[in-house]
Structures are given as C-alpha cells and as structure tokens.
Amino acid sequence: KTLTVVNDCCKSLGLKMSDFDPEDEETYTPFENLIAPQGLFQIETDATFRVCQKVKPRNLAHLSAVTAISRPGAMQFADRYASYIRTGEFQSVHPFLDDVFGKTGGSCIFQEQILRALNKIGFPLEDCETCRKIIGKKLVDKMPEWEQKLRDKVKENNIDPIVADVLWKIMSDSANYQFAEVHAVAYSMLTYATMWLKFNHPQQFFLSLLKMAKNEQDPLAEISKITPELALFNIRLLPPDLIKSKNDFSIEGANIRFGLNAIKNISEKTSEALSTFRGKTYSNKFEVFTEAKEAGLNIGNLCALIQAGCL
C-alpha cells in the first residue's frame, strides 16, 4: 500500500525515490511534535507512534531504532534510547562492549549488534551469523548451547569473565524478539519518503492516500481516519458532486474532491453508466429516475448518489 502511495505521488510530482535525501534535517522537524501519523509508514501504528513521540528522531539512524524498538520485547528500551537521544549519555553494560552498544544508548536493539559482540570476543563471523539467525528466527530452544560456548571463548581470549555474563543476559533477552538493522533501515527509508511527501506535498500525498482507501476492508472507515488530518494542512475534503466529482478522488483548487466511486454502492463497474448519466441535464425528478435507468444505473446506485448529496 505504502509503495503504491509513494509511487503515485512521485509520478505526479516528477520525482524518484532516489531523489530523497534521508539525512535532510528539515524533514525530521515534524517529529518534534508529531500529531499527524496517518500515512506515515510504520509510524501510523499506535505502538510505533508512541515510541516516535518519545524519541523524536532526527536522522535515519534514530528512525531505524524507533522501528526496531516498537516490537514486542524491545519496547522496554524506548525510554532509555529516548534519554540517550536527548542527552548523548548512554548506560554502559561493560567497557569492552561500549563500541557495540554505545550508539543505541547501551541497549541491544539490533540483531547485528549481537553478531558484532560475538565477533569481538573471538567467534568467526560464520558462527556469529549462525547465532544471529537463531535470535532472528526466535529459536529460543537453541539458545542454551551458546552459553557455554560464550564462556569458553571469553576464557580462551583472556577477557573479563563478566563480559560473558553481560553478553549472555543480553542474548537471552534478545532471543524473544529482535529486529535486523538492515530491515529497520530499509523500512525507515520508506518512512522517510512518506514523511517528506506528506509535509512537502500534502495535497498530493493525501490524494494518493484517499485513492488507496478503496482497497481496504472498510473504505469509508479508512477515509474517516484520514479526513481529520486534512485540516492540519489547510485542506478540505469537498463533498461528492455529480458534476464536479470525478470517478476517483481529485484535486480541486487547494482542496480534494470526494470521488464518486468512494460512495457506498457506487463501484468502478458503474463508471460507464455514471458517465452517460452525468452528461445530461434534468428538469425534474421524474427525468432523473428515467435517465438513470436508461444509463444503466439501478435504483440502489441512484439512491446512493442522492443520499451522498451528489444531486
């Protein structure tokens, strides 16, 4: 859905995804007091929206962390990470591991951090990747065998034994659920694209979003979710009108006009009949019903148009 919205916006604006600069600081400004999450990839879900309001991301790395923290098992790190973003101070788990967990405030948020930590204490990358996969696939029953491996490797390389205790605790907790950083960054690029489009070209963005509503289980409920945010961007959703409306949602001046196909009981299959019916003028109600029948609209279609205020 999001890819279609972004693609539709970019086509109408003559842009490509590659035109977006994910390190443009101005695009992150709305996150400081975000109250309009609709259409923002991932952020529009309640859990991620709450984390985003705490963290207030200022770059792609922060946004990627928000995406990862908003998962079951990782939500516990939200406050610690938000504090780290505000102050720059992180909670060290052990000096030996500071370079691995420091950039996320001392919390283990990504699978790759486990991989780097294991590699740092001496495991070859192949073994590190095996462990990362176990964590990534939540194979909790396969984790215990790594405890002894970990302690043996720490002892073999004359590393402080406490490192083994700390890392094993982190690995055990991470086995419940942990996001891959590469996945989080890819998601966040898409989040960034929706953010940039929404706050730079809101009219086109909301138009694309409303056009996608017909693919939802309850299109009218989806439209109702989107509509309240339009006022924040000084955009009005104009009511359906038999003459002014197009089949789908359309731009009209500074506003957006409701599409006829978005009316309940008016489907895309009736587009041809609607086109014939709309092309004439009527002097009385009798003519309206007669012409509607001749155009191929049934009584249900016509009632829907009347009740929606199109006439």
Protein backbone atom coordinates (compact mmCIF):
# COMPACT_ATOMS: atom_id res chain seq x y z
CA LYS A 1 0.00 0.00 0.00
CA THR A 2 2.72 2.47 1.01
CA LEU A 3 4.81 1.72 -2.06
CA THR A 4 1.78 2.43 -4.26
CA VAL A 5 1.08 5.73 -2.47
CA VAL A 6 4.74 6.82 -2.76
CA ASN A 7 4.89 5.73 -6.40
CA ASP A 8 1.66 7.58 -7.24
CA CYS A 9 2.92 10.76 -5.53
CA CYS A 10 6.33 10.59 -7.17
CA LYS A 11 4.83 10.09 -10.63
CA SER A 12 2.54 13.10 -10.27
CA LEU A 13 5.41 15.26 -8.93
CA GLY A 14 8.04 14.02 -11.40
CA LEU A 15 10.22 12.54 -8.64
CA LYS A 16 12.03 9.26 -7.91
CA MET A 17 12.72 7.57 -4.58
CA SER A 18 16.42 8.16 -5.25
CA ASP A 19 15.75 11.92 -5.11
CA PHE A 20 15.10 11.76 -1.34
CA ASP A 21 17.98 12.62 0.98
CA PRO A 22 17.36 10.68 4.24
CA GLU A 23 19.83 12.92 6.10
CA ASP A 24 17.96 16.15 5.33
CA GLU A 25 17.47 17.51 8.87
CA GLU A 26 14.47 19.68 7.99
CA THR A 27 12.36 16.63 7.08
CA TYR A 28 12.68 15.35 10.66
CA THR A 29 11.38 18.61 12.18
CA PRO A 30 7.72 17.42 12.37
CA PHE A 31 8.83 14.56 14.63
CA GLU A 32 9.49 17.11 17.39
CA ASN A 33 5.75 17.48 17.93
CA LEU A 34 4.20 14.85 15.68
CA ILE A 35 0.39 14.76 15.82
CA ALA A 36 -0.37 13.62 12.27
CA PRO A 37 0.74 9.99 11.78
CA GLN A 38 -1.73 8.89 9.08
CA GLY A 39 0.01 7.50 6.01
CA LEU A 40 3.48 7.52 7.58
CA PHE A 41 4.83 4.01 7.06
CA GLN A 42 5.10 2.14 10.39
CA ILE A 43 4.57 5.38 12.36
CA GLU A 44 0.80 5.25 11.84
CA THR A 45 0.56 2.17 14.10
CA ASP A 46 -0.17 3.06 17.73
CA ALA A 47 2.93 1.38 19.24
CA THR A 48 5.43 2.96 16.83
CA PHE A 49 3.69 6.34 17.06
CA ARG A 50 4.11 6.34 20.86
CA VAL A 51 7.81 5.41 20.61
CA CYS A 52 8.30 8.08 17.94
CA GLN A 53 6.76 10.74 20.20
CA LYS A 54 9.23 9.75 22.96
CA VAL A 55 12.37 9.51 20.81
CA LYS A 56 11.72 12.39 18.36
CA PRO A 57 14.12 11.01 15.69
CA ARG A 58 16.46 13.47 13.99
CA ASN A 59 18.11 11.23 11.40
CA LEU A 60 17.78 7.86 9.66
CA ALA A 61 19.66 6.02 12.43
CA HIS A 62 17.22 7.31 15.05
CA LEU A 63 14.26 6.42 12.83
CA SER A 64 15.64 2.90 12.32
CA ALA A 65 15.96 2.48 16.08
CA VAL A 66 12.34 3.60 16.54
CA THR A 67 11.24 0.95 14.04
CA ALA A 68 13.16 -1.75 15.91
CA ILE A 69 12.19 -0.66 19.44
CA SER A 70 8.49 -0.70 18.56
CA ARG A 71 8.46 -4.51 18.56
CA PRO A 72 7.37 -6.92 21.30
CA GLY A 73 10.31 -7.50 23.64
CA ALA A 74 12.17 -4.36 22.60
CA MET A 75 9.67 -1.77 23.85
CA GLN A 76 11.47 -1.77 27.21
CA PHE A 77 14.32 0.19 25.60
CA ALA A 78 12.16 3.14 24.47
CA ASP A 79 12.77 5.39 27.48
CA ARG A 80 16.49 4.60 27.69
CA TYR A 81 17.01 5.27 23.99
CA ALA A 82 14.95 8.50 24.14
CA SER A 83 17.11 9.69 27.05
CA TYR A 84 20.25 8.88 25.07
CA ILE A 85 18.98 10.93 22.09
CA ARG A 86 18.28 13.91 24.37
CA THR A 87 21.49 13.85 26.42
CA GLY A 88 24.03 11.86 24.38
CA GLU A 89 24.81 9.84 27.52
CA PHE A 90 24.47 6.06 27.35
CA GLN A 91 24.32 3.36 30.02
CA SER A 92 27.42 1.21 29.65
CA VAL A 93 26.82 -2.54 30.03
CA HIS A 94 30.61 -3.12 30.11
CA PRO A 95 33.51 -1.01 28.74
CA PHE A 96 34.55 -3.90 26.48
CA LEU A 97 31.19 -3.69 24.68
CA ASP A 98 30.72 0.09 24.61
CA ASP A 99 31.60 0.42 20.94
CA VAL A 100 28.97 -2.21 20.08
CA PHE A 101 26.03 -0.94 22.17
CA GLY A 102 27.00 2.71 22.67
CA LYS A 103 25.33 4.01 19.51
CA THR A 104 21.95 2.73 20.72
CA GLY A 105 22.23 4.13 24.24
CA GLY A 106 23.65 0.98 25.80
CA SER A 107 20.71 -1.17 24.70
CA CYS A 108 20.89 -4.10 22.30
CA ILE A 109 18.30 -3.16 19.69
CA PHE A 110 19.52 -4.87 16.51
CA GLN A 111 20.50 -8.45 15.66
CA GLU A 112 23.71 -7.19 14.09
CA GLN A 113 24.90 -5.90 17.47
CA ILE A 114 24.91 -9.47 18.80
CA LEU A 115 26.88 -10.50 15.73
CA ARG A 116 29.48 -7.75 16.32
CA ALA A 117 29.75 -8.51 20.04
CA LEU A 118 30.37 -12.22 19.44
CA ASN A 119 32.93 -11.41 16.76
CA LYS A 120 34.72 -9.04 19.13
CA ILE A 121 35.20 -11.76 21.77
CA GLY A 122 36.69 -14.08 19.14
CA PHE A 123 33.99 -16.02 17.27
CA PRO A 124 34.44 -16.21 13.49
CA LEU A 125 31.77 -14.35 11.52
CA GLU A 126 30.24 -17.60 10.28
CA ASP A 127 29.46 -18.69 13.87
CA CYS A 128 28.24 -15.18 14.72
CA GLU A 129 25.81 -15.32 11.83
CA THR A 130 24.53 -18.72 12.97
CA CYS A 131 23.70 -17.24 16.37
CA ARG A 132 22.13 -14.16 14.79
CA LYS A 133 19.82 -16.40 12.76
CA ILE A 134 18.76 -18.27 15.90
CA ILE A 135 17.82 -14.94 17.50
CA GLY A 136 16.23 -13.61 14.31
CA LYS A 137 14.03 -16.68 13.94
CA LYS A 138 13.21 -16.73 17.67
CA LEU A 139 14.54 -20.30 18.08
CA VAL A 140 14.68 -19.90 21.87
CA ASP A 141 15.28 -23.63 22.47
CA LYS A 142 18.62 -23.42 20.61
CA MET A 143 19.99 -20.58 22.74
CA PRO A 144 21.18 -22.54 25.86
CA GLU A 145 24.01 -24.30 23.96
CA TRP A 146 25.56 -20.89 23.31
CA GLU A 147 26.06 -20.08 26.99
CA GLN A 148 28.98 -22.49 27.43
CA LYS A 149 30.42 -21.59 24.01
CA LEU A 150 30.39 -17.96 25.08
CA ARG A 151 32.10 -18.59 28.43
CA ASP A 152 34.74 -20.82 26.82
CA LYS A 153 35.58 -18.21 24.17
CA VAL A 154 35.88 -15.40 26.76
CA LYS A 155 38.21 -17.56 28.87
CA GLU A 156 40.23 -18.62 25.80
CA ASN A 157 40.90 -14.98 24.87
CA ASN A 158 41.63 -13.77 28.43
CA ILE A 159 38.65 -11.41 28.50
CA ASP A 160 36.99 -10.30 31.73
CA PRO A 161 34.53 -13.12 32.67
CA ILE A 162 31.89 -10.51 33.46
CA VAL A 163 31.67 -9.85 29.71
CA ALA A 164 30.32 -13.39 29.28
CA ASP A 165 27.68 -12.80 31.98
CA VAL A 166 26.60 -9.49 30.48
CA LEU A 167 26.51 -10.71 26.89
CA TRP A 168 24.67 -13.92 27.78
CA LYS A 169 21.98 -11.90 29.57
CA ILE A 170 21.63 -9.66 26.51
CA MET A 171 21.48 -12.65 24.15
CA SER A 172 18.88 -14.45 26.27
CA ASP A 173 16.64 -11.39 26.32
CA SER A 174 17.16 -10.77 22.61
CA ALA A 175 16.02 -14.28 21.70
CA ASN A 176 12.41 -13.26 22.37
CA TYR A 177 12.29 -10.73 19.55
CA GLN A 178 14.84 -8.55 17.84
CA PHE A 179 14.86 -6.68 14.55
CA ALA A 180 17.61 -6.79 11.94
CA GLU A 181 19.19 -3.38 11.40
CA VAL A 182 19.25 -3.82 7.61
CA HIS A 183 15.50 -4.43 7.75
CA ALA A 184 14.93 -1.42 10.01
CA VAL A 185 16.94 0.88 7.72
CA ALA A 186 15.02 -0.28 4.64
CA TYR A 187 11.71 0.30 6.44
CA SER A 188 12.88 3.69 7.64
CA MET A 189 13.79 4.80 4.13
CA LEU A 190 10.16 4.21 3.20
CA THR A 191 9.01 6.01 6.37
CA TYR A 192 11.23 8.93 5.40
CA ALA A 193 9.74 9.03 1.89
CA THR A 194 6.19 9.22 3.26
CA MET A 195 7.30 11.88 5.77
CA TRP A 196 8.93 14.01 3.08
CA LEU A 197 5.98 13.75 0.71
CA LYS A 198 3.38 14.42 3.40
CA PHE A 199 4.99 17.58 4.77
CA ASN A 200 6.29 18.94 1.45
CA HIS A 201 3.39 17.99 -0.86
CA PRO A 202 0.45 17.29 1.49
CA GLN A 203 -2.30 17.74 -1.08
CA GLN A 204 -0.81 15.18 -3.46
CA PHE A 205 0.06 12.83 -0.60
CA PHE A 206 -3.46 12.84 0.87
CA LEU A 207 -4.93 12.44 -2.61
CA SER A 208 -2.87 9.27 -3.16
CA LEU A 209 -3.78 8.05 0.33
CA LEU A 210 -7.51 8.58 -0.23
CA LYS A 211 -7.36 6.86 -3.61
CA MET A 212 -5.96 3.78 -1.86
CA ALA A 213 -8.86 3.64 0.61
CA LYS A 214 -10.98 1.59 -1.81
CA ASN A 215 -8.61 -1.35 -1.29
CA GLU A 216 -9.33 -1.51 2.45
CA GLN A 217 -11.92 -3.82 4.01
CA ASP A 218 -13.91 -0.78 5.12
CA PRO A 219 -13.09 2.07 2.69
CA LEU A 220 -15.32 4.64 4.42
CA ALA A 221 -13.73 3.92 7.81
CA GLU A 222 -10.30 4.46 6.23
CA ILE A 223 -11.44 7.76 4.69
CA SER A 224 -12.77 8.80 8.11
CA LYS A 225 -9.34 8.14 9.66
CA ILE A 226 -7.57 10.27 7.07
CA THR A 227 -10.02 13.20 6.88
CA PRO A 228 -9.36 14.83 10.32
CA GLU A 229 -5.70 15.42 9.44
CA LEU A 230 -6.55 17.40 6.29
CA ALA A 231 -7.45 20.43 8.41
CA LEU A 232 -3.90 20.48 9.83
CA PHE A 233 -2.68 21.19 6.29
CA ASN A 234 -5.48 23.66 5.40
CA ILE A 235 -7.05 21.17 3.01
CA ARG A 236 -10.80 20.44 2.86
CA LEU A 237 -12.39 17.24 1.63
CA LEU A 238 -15.16 18.60 -0.60
CA PRO A 239 -18.38 16.56 -0.74
CA PRO A 240 -19.27 14.36 -3.73
CA ASP A 241 -20.94 16.21 -6.57
CA LEU A 242 -22.43 14.69 -9.72
CA ILE A 243 -20.94 17.43 -11.91
CA LYS A 244 -17.70 18.33 -10.12
CA SER A 245 -16.58 14.92 -8.83
CA LYS A 246 -14.52 12.55 -10.92
CA ASN A 247 -14.80 8.80 -10.52
CA ASP A 248 -11.90 8.82 -8.04
CA PHE A 249 -10.72 11.48 -5.58
CA SER A 250 -9.30 14.52 -7.37
CA ILE A 251 -7.58 17.83 -6.66
CA GLU A 252 -9.82 20.88 -6.86
CA GLY A 253 -8.03 24.16 -6.19
CA ALA A 254 -6.40 23.92 -2.75
CA ASN A 255 -8.72 21.09 -1.72
CA ILE A 256 -9.62 17.49 -2.61
CA ARG A 257 -12.96 16.49 -4.10
CA PHE A 258 -14.62 13.26 -2.97
CA GLY A 259 -14.69 10.62 -5.73
CA LEU A 260 -17.96 9.05 -6.83
CA ASN A 261 -16.52 5.53 -6.71
CA ALA A 262 -15.85 6.02 -2.99
CA ILE A 263 -19.59 6.23 -2.30
CA LYS A 264 -21.05 3.00 -0.95
CA ASN A 265 -22.97 1.12 -3.69
CA ILE A 266 -21.12 3.02 -6.44
CA SER A 267 -18.40 0.78 -7.85
CA GLU A 268 -15.89 1.16 -10.67
CA LYS A 269 -18.15 -1.14 -12.72
CA THR A 270 -20.75 1.64 -12.83
CA SER A 271 -18.27 4.20 -14.23
CA GLU A 272 -19.55 3.96 -17.82
CA ALA A 273 -23.19 4.24 -16.70
CA LEU A 274 -22.27 7.19 -14.48
CA SER A 275 -20.52 8.91 -17.37
CA THR A 276 -23.66 8.66 -19.52
CA PHE A 277 -25.92 9.79 -16.67
CA ARG A 278 -23.71 12.75 -15.75
CA GLY A 279 -23.58 14.04 -19.32
CA LYS A 280 -27.15 15.29 -19.30
CA THR A 281 -29.25 17.92 -17.52
CA TYR A 282 -32.57 17.19 -15.87
CA SER A 283 -35.54 19.48 -15.32
CA ASN A 284 -37.39 17.35 -12.76
CA LYS A 285 -37.09 14.29 -10.52
CA PHE A 286 -39.03 12.10 -12.94
CA GLU A 287 -36.39 12.68 -15.64
CA VAL A 288 -33.62 11.86 -13.18
CA PHE A 289 -35.03 8.39 -12.46
CA THR A 290 -35.88 7.72 -16.11
CA GLU A 291 -32.45 8.70 -17.41
CA ALA A 292 -30.69 6.81 -14.63
CA LYS A 293 -32.47 3.63 -15.68
CA GLU A 294 -31.64 4.21 -19.36
CA ALA A 295 -27.99 4.88 -18.49
CA GLY A 296 -27.77 1.54 -16.68
CA LEU A 297 -27.84 2.71 -13.07
CA ASN A 298 -30.08 0.67 -10.78
CA ILE A 299 -32.24 2.12 -8.02
CA GLY A 300 -29.55 1.27 -5.41
CA ASN A 301 -26.94 3.27 -7.34
CA LEU A 302 -29.23 6.26 -7.71
CA CYS A 303 -30.30 6.19 -4.04
CA ALA A 304 -26.63 6.12 -3.02
CA LEU A 305 -25.91 9.20 -5.13
CA ILE A 306 -28.91 11.05 -3.70
CA GLN A 307 -28.11 10.13 -0.08
CA ALA A 308 -24.48 11.20 -0.53
CA GLY A 309 -25.69 14.64 -1.65
CA CYS A 310 -24.42 14.35 -5.24
CA LEU A 311 -27.60 15.83 -6.69
